[in-house]
C-alpha atoms as a PDB file:
ATOM      1  CA  MET A   1      20.820  -2.639  -0.813  1.00  0.00           C
ATOM      2  CA  ALA A   2      20.960  -5.535  -3.260  1.00  0.00           C
ATOM      3  CA  THR A   3      23.862  -7.842  -4.073  1.00  0.00           C
ATOM      4  CA  SER A   4      24.943  -9.015  -7.519  1.00  0.00           C
ATOM      5  CA  ALA A   5      25.024 -12.821  -7.380  1.00  0.00           C
ATOM      6  CA  ARG A   6      28.013 -13.027  -9.731  1.00  0.00           C
ATOM      7  CA  THR A   7      30.192 -10.104  -8.658  1.00  0.00           C
ATOM      8  CA  GLY A   8      29.217  -9.900  -4.997  1.00  0.00           C
ATOM      9  CA  GLU A   9      29.063  -6.120  -5.347  1.00  0.00           C
ATOM     10  CA  LEU A  10      26.470  -4.188  -3.369  1.00  0.00           C
ATOM     11  CA  VAL A  11      24.051  -2.114  -5.418  1.00  0.00           C
ATOM     12  CA  GLU A  12      22.230   0.680  -3.648  1.00  0.00           C
ATOM     13  CA  VAL A  13      18.481   0.320  -4.033  1.00  0.00           C
ATOM     14  CA  LYS A  14      16.141   2.934  -2.617  1.00  0.00           C
ATOM     15  CA  ASN A  15      12.941   1.056  -3.436  1.00  0.00           C
ATOM     16  CA  LEU A  16      13.040  -2.714  -3.908  1.00  0.00           C
ATOM     17  CA  LYS A  17       9.788  -2.865  -5.867  1.00  0.00           C
ATOM     18  CA  ASP A  18      10.959  -0.186  -8.278  1.00  0.00           C
ATOM     19  CA  PHE A  19      14.291  -1.978  -8.680  1.00  0.00           C
ATOM     20  CA  PHE A  20      12.613  -5.308  -9.517  1.00  0.00           C
ATOM     21  CA  ARG A  21      10.059  -3.695 -11.826  1.00  0.00           C
ATOM     22  CA  THR A  22      12.638  -1.753 -13.803  1.00  0.00           C
ATOM     23  CA  SER A  23      15.002  -4.728 -13.993  1.00  0.00           C
ATOM     24  CA  ILE A  24      12.285  -7.131 -15.162  1.00  0.00           C
ATOM     25  CA  GLU A  25      10.879  -4.735 -17.750  1.00  0.00           C
ATOM     26  CA  GLN A  26      14.310  -3.931 -19.181  1.00  0.00           C
ATOM     27  CA  THR A  27      15.402  -7.574 -19.255  1.00  0.00           C
ATOM     28  CA  ALA A  28      12.116  -8.751 -20.791  1.00  0.00           C
ATOM     29  CA  SER A  29      12.530  -6.150 -23.535  1.00  0.00           C
ATOM     30  CA  LYS A  30      16.134  -7.233 -24.108  1.00  0.00           C
ATOM     31  CA  GLN A  31      15.132 -10.895 -24.310  1.00  0.00           C
ATOM     32  CA  ARG A  32      12.065 -10.040 -26.445  1.00  0.00           C
ATOM     33  CA  VAL A  33       9.601 -11.591 -24.029  1.00  0.00           C
ATOM     34  CA  ASP A  34       6.182  -9.942 -23.953  1.00  0.00           C
ATOM     35  CA  ILE A  35       4.805  -9.898 -20.416  1.00  0.00           C
ATOM     36  CA  GLN A  36       1.554  -8.167 -19.540  1.00  0.00           C
ATOM     37  CA  PRO A  37       1.739  -5.444 -16.851  1.00  0.00           C
ATOM     38  CA  ALA A  38      -0.477  -7.437 -14.463  1.00  0.00           C
ATOM     39  CA  ALA A  39       1.858 -10.439 -14.617  1.00  0.00           C
ATOM     40  CA  THR A  40       4.906  -8.203 -14.160  1.00  0.00           C
ATOM     41  CA  HIS A  41       3.232  -6.610 -11.135  1.00  0.00           C
ATOM     42  CA  TYR A  42       2.583 -10.073  -9.680  1.00  0.00           C
ATOM     43  CA  VAL A  43       6.201 -11.166 -10.091  1.00  0.00           C
ATOM     44  CA  VAL A  44       7.508  -7.884  -8.655  1.00  0.00           C
ATOM     45  CA  ASN A  45       5.337  -8.324  -5.558  1.00  0.00           C
ATOM     46  CA  LEU A  46       6.461 -11.946  -5.253  1.00  0.00           C
ATOM     47  CA  LEU A  47      10.155 -11.039  -5.386  1.00  0.00           C
ATOM     48  CA  THR A  48       9.678  -8.224  -2.897  1.00  0.00           C
ATOM     49  CA  LEU A  49       7.816 -10.511  -0.501  1.00  0.00           C
ATOM     50  CA  TYR A  50      10.288 -13.412  -0.741  1.00  0.00           C
ATOM     51  CA  SER A  51      13.261 -11.110  -0.274  1.00  0.00           C
ATOM     52  CA  ARG A  52      12.351 -11.531   3.414  1.00  0.00           C
ATOM     53  CA  SER A  53      13.311 -15.008   4.615  1.00  0.00           C
ATOM     54  CA  GLU A  54      10.369 -15.245   7.004  1.00  0.00           C
ATOM     55  CA  ALA A  55       8.020 -15.026   4.022  1.00  0.00           C
ATOM     56  CA  LEU A  56       9.882 -17.596   1.909  1.00  0.00           C
ATOM     57  CA  PHE A  57      10.625 -20.191   4.582  1.00  0.00           C
ATOM     58  CA  GLU A  58       8.151 -22.008   6.800  1.00  0.00           C
ATOM     59  CA  HIS A  59       8.255 -22.903  10.502  1.00  0.00           C
ATOM     60  CA  ASP A  60       6.455 -26.097  11.497  1.00  0.00           C
ATOM     61  CA  GLY A  61       7.195 -25.750  15.198  1.00  0.00           C
ATOM     62  CA  GLU A  62      10.446 -27.684  15.005  1.00  0.00           C
ATOM     63  CA  HIS A  63      12.142 -26.741  11.751  1.00  0.00           C
ATOM     64  CA  PHE A  64      12.567 -23.522   9.795  1.00  0.00           C
ATOM     65  CA  GLY A  65      13.077 -24.130   6.110  1.00  0.00           C
ATOM     66  CA  LEU A  66      11.583 -24.715   2.708  1.00  0.00           C
ATOM     67  CA  LYS A  67       9.163 -27.591   2.173  1.00  0.00           C
ATOM     68  CA  PRO A  68       9.971 -29.764  -0.880  1.00  0.00           C
ATOM     69  CA  LEU A  69       7.805 -29.063  -3.925  1.00  0.00           C
ATOM     70  CA  ALA A  70       6.439 -32.606  -3.892  1.00  0.00           C
ATOM     71  CA  LEU A  71       5.059 -32.038  -0.393  1.00  0.00           C
ATOM     72  CA  MET A  72       3.524 -28.751  -1.481  1.00  0.00           C
ATOM     73  CA  LEU A  73       1.799 -30.624  -4.292  1.00  0.00           C
ATOM     74  CA  ALA A  74       0.591 -33.200  -1.756  1.00  0.00           C
ATOM     75  CA  ASP A  75      -0.818 -30.355   0.340  1.00  0.00           C
ATOM     76  CA  ALA A  76      -2.782 -29.178  -2.683  1.00  0.00           C
ATOM     77  CA  SER A  77      -4.045 -32.701  -3.424  1.00  0.00           C
ATOM     78  CA  ASP A  78      -5.101 -33.254   0.196  1.00  0.00           C
ATOM     79  CA  ALA A  79      -6.663 -29.819   0.717  1.00  0.00           C
ATOM     80  CA  ASP A  80     -10.112 -29.933   2.301  1.00  0.00           C
ATOM     81  CA  SER A  81     -11.426 -26.913   0.408  1.00  0.00           C
ATOM     82  CA  ALA A  82     -11.057 -25.212  -2.956  1.00  0.00           C
ATOM     83  CA  GLU A  83      -9.582 -22.163  -1.229  1.00  0.00           C
ATOM     84  CA  ALA A  84      -6.940 -24.218   0.586  1.00  0.00           C
ATOM     85  CA  ARG A  85      -6.042 -26.039  -2.647  1.00  0.00           C
ATOM     86  CA  ALA A  86      -5.686 -22.721  -4.480  1.00  0.00           C
ATOM     87  CA  GLN A  87      -3.417 -21.386  -1.749  1.00  0.00           C
ATOM     88  CA  SER A  88      -1.212 -24.484  -1.919  1.00  0.00           C
ATOM     89  CA  LEU A  89      -0.961 -24.320  -5.718  1.00  0.00           C
ATOM     90  CA  GLN A  90      -0.111 -20.631  -5.579  1.00  0.00           C
ATOM     91  CA  ARG A  91       2.579 -21.255  -2.978  1.00  0.00           C
ATOM     92  CA  LEU A  92       4.019 -24.078  -5.103  1.00  0.00           C
ATOM     93  CA  GLY A  93       4.155 -21.917  -8.224  1.00  0.00           C
ATOM     94  CA  ASP A  94       5.598 -18.944  -6.366  1.00  0.00           C
ATOM     95  CA  VAL A  95       8.373 -20.916  -4.659  1.00  0.00           C
ATOM     96  CA  ALA A  96       9.278 -22.759  -7.863  1.00  0.00           C
ATOM     97  CA  LEU A  97       9.574 -19.470  -9.767  1.00  0.00           C
ATOM     98  CA  PHE A  98      11.598 -17.735  -7.073  1.00  0.00           C
ATOM     99  CA  MET A  99      13.987 -20.631  -6.512  1.00  0.00           C
ATOM    100  CA  SER A 100      14.618 -21.365 -10.194  1.00  0.00           C
ATOM    101  CA  GLY A 101      14.959 -17.653 -10.887  1.00  0.00           C
ATOM    102  CA  PHE A 102      17.362 -16.715  -8.093  1.00  0.00           C
ATOM    103  CA  PHE A 103      18.963 -19.949  -6.860  1.00  0.00           C
ATOM    104  CA  ILE A 104      19.471 -21.848 -10.101  1.00  0.00           C
ATOM    105  CA  ASP A 105      23.158 -22.556  -9.390  1.00  0.00           C
ATOM    106  CA  GLY A 106      22.333 -24.050  -5.999  1.00  0.00           C
ATOM    107  CA  LEU A 107      20.030 -26.553  -7.690  1.00  0.00           C
ATOM    108  CA  ALA A 108      22.946 -28.097  -9.587  1.00  0.00           C
ATOM    109  CA  ASP A 109      23.914 -30.253  -6.602  1.00  0.00           C
ATOM    110  CA  ALA A 110      20.361 -30.832  -5.353  1.00  0.00           C
ATOM    111  CA  ALA A 111      18.314 -34.008  -5.751  1.00  0.00           C
ATOM    112  CA  VAL A 112      16.266 -32.274  -8.468  1.00  0.00           C
ATOM    113  CA  ASP A 113      17.449 -29.620 -10.912  1.00  0.00           C
ATOM    114  CA  VAL A 114      15.904 -26.554 -12.493  1.00  0.00           C
ATOM    115  CA  ASP A 115      13.872 -28.499 -15.078  1.00  0.00           C
ATOM    116  CA  TYR A 116      11.928 -30.119 -12.229  1.00  0.00           C
ATOM    117  CA  TYR A 117      11.229 -26.724 -10.675  1.00  0.00           C
ATOM    118  CA  ILE A 118      10.043 -25.351 -14.014  1.00  0.00           C
ATOM    119  CA  HIS A 119       7.788 -28.353 -14.607  1.00  0.00           C
ATOM    120  CA  MET A 120       6.252 -28.148 -11.137  1.00  0.00           C
ATOM    121  CA  GLY A 121       5.849 -24.376 -11.258  1.00  0.00           C
ATOM    122  CA  GLU A 122       4.183 -24.094 -14.628  1.00  0.00           C
ATOM    123  CA  ASN A 123       1.839 -26.970 -13.838  1.00  0.00           C
ATOM    124  CA  ALA A 124       0.881 -25.388 -10.497  1.00  0.00           C
ATOM    125  CA  TYR A 125       0.089 -22.032 -12.064  1.00  0.00           C
ATOM    126  CA  GLY A 126      -1.751 -23.717 -14.943  1.00  0.00           C
ATOM    127  CA  SER A 127      -3.918 -25.801 -12.608  1.00  0.00           C
ATOM    128  CA  LEU A 128      -4.586 -22.760 -10.437  1.00  0.00           C
ATOM    129  CA  SER A 129      -5.667 -20.701 -13.438  1.00  0.00           C
ATOM    130  CA  ASN A 130      -8.086 -23.412 -14.548  1.00  0.00           C
ATOM    131  CA  GLU A 131      -9.556 -24.024 -11.096  1.00  0.00           C
ATOM    132  CA  ILE A 132     -10.297 -20.413 -10.153  1.00  0.00           C
ATOM    133  CA  ARG A 133     -11.695 -19.447 -13.551  1.00  0.00           C
ATOM    134  CA  GLY A 134     -15.268 -18.219 -13.220  1.00  0.00           C
ATOM    135  CA  THR A 135     -14.910 -17.253  -9.558  1.00  0.00           C
ATOM    136  CA  PHE A 136     -14.808 -13.669  -8.288  1.00  0.00           C
ATOM    137  CA  ARG A 137     -11.066 -13.912  -7.646  1.00  0.00           C
ATOM    138  CA  GLY A 138     -10.517 -15.794 -10.854  1.00  0.00           C
ATOM    139  CA  ASN A 139     -11.872 -12.957 -12.974  1.00  0.00           C
ATOM    140  CA  ALA A 140      -8.812 -10.939 -11.993  1.00  0.00           C
ATOM    141  CA  PHE A 141      -6.152 -13.584 -11.395  1.00  0.00           C
ATOM    142  CA  SER A 142      -6.890 -16.512 -13.720  1.00  0.00           C
ATOM    143  CA  PRO A 143      -5.354 -14.760 -16.779  1.00  0.00           C
ATOM    144  CA  ILE A 144      -2.283 -13.820 -14.715  1.00  0.00           C
ATOM    145  CA  TYR A 145      -1.679 -17.391 -13.564  1.00  0.00           C
ATOM    146  CA  ARG A 146      -2.225 -18.639 -17.119  1.00  0.00           C
ATOM    147  CA  GLU A 147       0.439 -16.252 -18.405  1.00  0.00           C
ATOM    148  CA  LEU A 148       2.836 -17.262 -15.622  1.00  0.00           C
ATOM    149  CA  ALA A 149       2.282 -20.920 -16.578  1.00  0.00           C
ATOM    150  CA  ASP A 150       2.720 -20.336 -20.304  1.00  0.00           C
ATOM    151  CA  LYS A 151       5.829 -18.152 -19.903  1.00  0.00           C
ATOM    152  CA  PHE A 152       7.376 -19.801 -16.855  1.00  0.00           C
ATOM    153  CA  GLN A 153      10.652 -20.786 -18.522  1.00  0.00           C
ATOM    154  CA  PRO A 154      11.189 -17.373 -20.172  1.00  0.00           C
ATOM    155  CA  LEU A 155      10.441 -15.766 -16.803  1.00  0.00           C
ATOM    156  CA  VAL A 156      13.136 -17.938 -15.235  1.00  0.00           C
ATOM    157  CA  ASP A 157      15.552 -16.643 -17.890  1.00  0.00           C
ATOM    158  CA  ILE A 158      14.576 -13.075 -17.049  1.00  0.00           C
ATOM    159  CA  LEU A 159      15.029 -13.557 -13.307  1.00  0.00           C
ATOM    160  CA  ASN A 160      18.379 -15.310 -13.876  1.00  0.00           C
ATOM    161  CA  GLU A 161      19.633 -12.236 -15.704  1.00  0.00           C
ATOM    162  CA  VAL A 162      18.216  -9.859 -13.104  1.00  0.00           C
ATOM    163  CA  ARG A 163      20.061 -11.870 -10.475  1.00  0.00           C
ATOM    164  CA  ASP A 164      23.310 -11.984 -12.426  1.00  0.00           C
ATOM    165  CA  GLY A 165      23.318  -8.351 -13.417  1.00  0.00           C
ATOM    166  CA  GLY A 166      24.160  -9.532 -16.927  1.00  0.00           C
ATOM    167  CA  SER A 167      27.664 -10.690 -15.961  1.00  0.00           C
ATOM    168  CA  LEU A 168      29.187 -14.087 -16.712  1.00  0.00           C
ATOM    169  CA  SER A 169      32.436 -15.921 -16.074  1.00  0.00           C
ATOM    170  CA  ALA A 170      33.893 -18.665 -18.242  1.00  0.00           C
ATOM    171  CA  SER A 171      33.675 -21.161 -15.376  1.00  0.00           C
ATOM    172  CA  ASP A 172      29.874 -21.020 -15.636  1.00  0.00           C
ATOM    173  CA  LEU A 173      29.695 -22.426 -19.169  1.00  0.00           C
ATOM    174  CA  THR A 174      29.311 -26.077 -18.172  1.00  0.00           C
ATOM    175  CA  ARG A 175      26.388 -25.194 -15.920  1.00  0.00           C
ATOM    176  CA  ILE A 176      24.866 -23.001 -18.628  1.00  0.00           C
ATOM    177  CA  TYR A 177      25.112 -25.838 -21.139  1.00  0.00           C
ATOM    178  CA  GLU A 178      23.405 -28.160 -18.654  1.00  0.00           C
ATOM    179  CA  ILE A 179      20.582 -25.652 -18.138  1.00  0.00           C
ATOM    180  CA  TRP A 180      20.099 -25.313 -21.910  1.00  0.00           C
ATOM    181  CA  ARG A 181      20.084 -29.105 -22.366  1.00  0.00           C
ATOM    182  CA  LYS A 182      17.496 -29.638 -19.616  1.00  0.00           C
ATOM    183  CA  THR A 183      15.185 -26.684 -20.219  1.00  0.00           C
ATOM    184  CA  GLY A 184      15.770 -25.348 -23.727  1.00  0.00           C
ATOM    185  CA  SER A 185      16.519 -21.924 -22.198  1.00  0.00           C
ATOM    186  CA  GLN A 186      17.027 -19.373 -24.968  1.00  0.00           C
ATOM    187  CA  ARG A 187      19.089 -17.215 -22.616  1.00  0.00           C
ATOM    188  CA  ALA A 188      21.449 -20.125 -21.910  1.00  0.00           C
ATOM    189  CA  LEU A 189      21.752 -20.858 -25.633  1.00  0.00           C
ATOM    190  CA  GLN A 190      22.598 -17.214 -26.370  1.00  0.00           C
ATOM    191  CA  GLN A 191      25.193 -17.199 -23.584  1.00  0.00           C
ATOM    192  CA  LEU A 192      26.848 -20.257 -25.110  1.00  0.00           C
ATOM    193  CA  ARG A 193      26.837 -18.628 -28.548  1.00  0.00           C
ATOM    194  CA  ASP A 194      28.278 -15.403 -27.117  1.00  0.00           C
ATOM    195  CA  HIS A 195      31.248 -17.503 -25.967  1.00  0.00           C
ATOM    196  CA  GLY A 196      31.654 -19.196 -29.333  1.00  0.00           C
ATOM    197  CA  ILE A 197      29.854 -22.423 -28.411  1.00  0.00           C
ATOM    198  CA  GLU A 198      27.195 -23.760 -30.773  1.00  0.00           C
ATOM    199  CA  PRO A 199      25.616 -26.985 -29.391  1.00  0.00           C
ATOM    200  CA  LEU A 200      25.008 -28.603 -32.769  1.00  0.00           C
ATOM    201  CA  GLY A 201      23.447 -32.019 -33.222  1.00  0.00           C
ATOM    202  CA  ILE A 202      21.966 -32.184 -29.722  1.00  0.00           C
ATOM    203  CA  GLN A 203      18.400 -31.229 -28.998  1.00  0.00           C
ATOM    204  CA  PRO A 204      17.553 -29.796 -25.571  1.00  0.00           C
ATOM    205  CA  ARG A 205      15.561 -32.166 -23.358  1.00  0.00           C
ATOM    206  CA  HIS A 206      12.226 -30.550 -22.564  1.00  0.00           C
ATOM    207  CA  HIS A 207      10.102 -31.551 -19.564  1.00  0.00           C
END
């Protein structure tokens, strides 16, 4: 079963991977975002994995939760091997994409907002793509991470719509405007326009 974040309605899902794949492909087509099958497959696997809390959250022996992105970046900087650094960068990119895609509203009251998550995520994937290029693993995954870096913000738009089920209430417009202003989200801009709001004279602040 899956739950619509906006309506709270339960949607019966027989296969979570198939649900995510179909939803992402349909939404990407609707939003006119071209995503290669390998990158779609990666995101589908990521969403399926992180749908289990024990995969998303970490346990350090005392606390069970999510490490801040800045500490994940520090882990990558302090890694004692190329493999450990790659793992830390991948984890950083994956968490940033999942959180900004599915918990964007919860970030509104956090110390950092969605633009920070997008900036950290696309930089992590970009660095990872560059660093593994030319290695055995990099031959397969470097182009995927590069695409995730280059299309991180559009992917966030896609995951936001998958999460929302395409629904929207008028009370969300202030938050949508804030997301557009901070990230330049084309989905947010279209949502504003669909409700008769054209943010003229103000340019979105890009990271």
